[in-house]
């Protein structure tokens, strides 16, 4: 059986590893929150002429 200091150090290290997110979690969270920031590329309209020329099919697209 390990002594109390070793066991406490092991528990602290285990807790630190569990609480710190890995690189995949940081990437996913940063990508998902960047879509909600003002001025982010995900919120800007597409300035290409093709994007402006394409209209949805159906009654909503035919009337405009």
C-alpha atoms as a PDB file:
ATOM      1  CA  UNK A   1       0.000   0.000   0.000  1.00  0.00           C
ATOM      2  CA  UNK A   2       1.456   3.401  -0.964  1.00  0.00           C
ATOM      3  CA  UNK A   3       1.937   6.004   1.707  1.00  0.00           C
ATOM      4  CA  UNK A   4      -0.458   8.929   2.117  1.00  0.00           C
ATOM      5  CA  UNK A   5       1.720  11.493   0.265  1.00  0.00           C
ATOM      6  CA  UNK A   6       2.027   9.279  -2.803  1.00  0.00           C
ATOM      7  CA  UNK A   7      -1.685   8.555  -2.815  1.00  0.00           C
ATOM      8  CA  UNK A   8      -2.526  12.273  -2.506  1.00  0.00           C
ATOM      9  CA  UNK A   9      -0.162  13.131  -5.351  1.00  0.00           C
ATOM     10  CA  UNK A  10      -1.709  10.411  -7.512  1.00  0.00           C
ATOM     11  CA  UNK A  11      -5.240  11.677  -6.783  1.00  0.00           C
ATOM     12  CA  UNK A  12      -4.233  15.266  -7.577  1.00  0.00           C
ATOM     13  CA  UNK A  13      -2.633  14.221 -10.874  1.00  0.00           C
ATOM     14  CA  UNK A  14      -5.661  12.115 -11.798  1.00  0.00           C
ATOM     15  CA  UNK A  15      -8.013  14.989 -11.064  1.00  0.00           C
ATOM     16  CA  UNK A  16      -5.905  17.396 -13.132  1.00  0.00           C
ATOM     17  CA  UNK A  17      -5.920  15.031 -16.112  1.00  0.00           C
ATOM     18  CA  UNK A  18      -9.706  14.622 -15.873  1.00  0.00           C
ATOM     19  CA  UNK A  19     -10.419  18.364 -15.630  1.00  0.00           C
ATOM     20  CA  UNK A  20      -8.120  19.632 -18.402  1.00  0.00           C
ATOM     21  CA  UNK A  21      -9.775  19.206 -21.825  1.00  0.00           C
ATOM     22  CA  UNK A  22      -7.853  17.588 -24.601  1.00  0.00           C
ATOM     23  CA  UNK A  23      -6.971  19.199 -27.939  1.00  0.00           C
ATOM     24  CA  UNK A  24     -10.012  17.740 -29.697  1.00  0.00           C
ATOM     25  CA  UNK A  25     -12.397  19.243 -27.136  1.00  0.00           C
ATOM     26  CA  UNK A  26     -10.675  22.640 -27.342  1.00  0.00           C
ATOM     27  CA  UNK A  27     -10.882  22.554 -31.151  1.00  0.00           C
ATOM     28  CA  UNK A  28     -14.574  21.649 -31.232  1.00  0.00           C
ATOM     29  CA  UNK A  29     -15.533  24.256 -28.644  1.00  0.00           C
ATOM     30  CA  UNK A  30     -13.521  26.998 -30.358  1.00  0.00           C
ATOM     31  CA  UNK A  31     -15.014  26.191 -33.778  1.00  0.00           C
ATOM     32  CA  UNK A  32     -18.563  26.093 -32.459  1.00  0.00           C
ATOM     33  CA  UNK A  33     -18.246  29.350 -30.539  1.00  0.00           C
ATOM     34  CA  UNK A  34     -16.512  31.174 -33.415  1.00  0.00           C
ATOM     35  CA  UNK A  35     -19.708  30.928 -35.452  1.00  0.00           C
ATOM     36  CA  UNK A  36     -21.465  33.101 -32.872  1.00  0.00           C
ATOM     37  CA  UNK A  37     -18.864  35.887 -32.703  1.00  0.00           C
ATOM     38  CA  UNK A  38     -19.713  39.097 -34.579  1.00  0.00           C
ATOM     39  CA  UNK A  39     -17.654  39.434 -37.737  1.00  0.00           C
ATOM     40  CA  UNK A  40     -16.706  35.781 -37.944  1.00  0.00           C
ATOM     41  CA  UNK A  41     -16.610  34.218 -41.424  1.00  0.00           C
ATOM     42  CA  UNK A  42     -19.509  31.930 -40.536  1.00  0.00           C
ATOM     43  CA  UNK A  43     -21.820  34.914 -40.023  1.00  0.00           C
ATOM     44  CA  UNK A  44     -20.848  36.937 -43.104  1.00  0.00           C
ATOM     45  CA  UNK A  45     -23.018  36.616 -46.208  1.00  0.00           C
ATOM     46  CA  UNK A  46     -21.424  35.032 -49.238  1.00  0.00           C
ATOM     47  CA  UNK A  47     -20.445  37.888 -51.607  1.00  0.00           C
ATOM     48  CA  UNK A  48     -20.080  35.683 -54.692  1.00  0.00           C
ATOM     49  CA  UNK A  49     -22.428  36.377 -57.632  1.00  0.00           C
ATOM     50  CA  UNK A  50     -23.388  32.697 -57.779  1.00  0.00           C
ATOM     51  CA  UNK A  51     -24.656  32.794 -54.200  1.00  0.00           C
ATOM     52  CA  UNK A  52     -26.760  35.848 -55.004  1.00  0.00           C
ATOM     53  CA  UNK A  53     -28.155  34.342 -58.229  1.00  0.00           C
ATOM     54  CA  UNK A  54     -29.319  31.059 -56.701  1.00  0.00           C
ATOM     55  CA  UNK A  55     -32.888  31.174 -55.418  1.00  0.00           C
ATOM     56  CA  UNK A  56     -34.846  28.494 -53.643  1.00  0.00           C
ATOM     57  CA  UNK A  57     -37.222  26.428 -55.732  1.00  0.00           C
ATOM     58  CA  UNK A  58     -40.933  26.709 -55.172  1.00  0.00           C
ATOM     59  CA  UNK A  59     -43.387  29.560 -54.706  1.00  0.00           C
ATOM     60  CA  UNK A  60     -41.030  31.629 -52.524  1.00  0.00           C
ATOM     61  CA  UNK A  61     -38.291  31.568 -55.166  1.00  0.00           C
ATOM     62  CA  UNK A  62     -40.572  32.184 -58.133  1.00  0.00           C
ATOM     63  CA  UNK A  63     -42.114  35.362 -56.725  1.00  0.00           C
ATOM     64  CA  UNK A  64     -38.812  37.169 -56.082  1.00  0.00           C
END
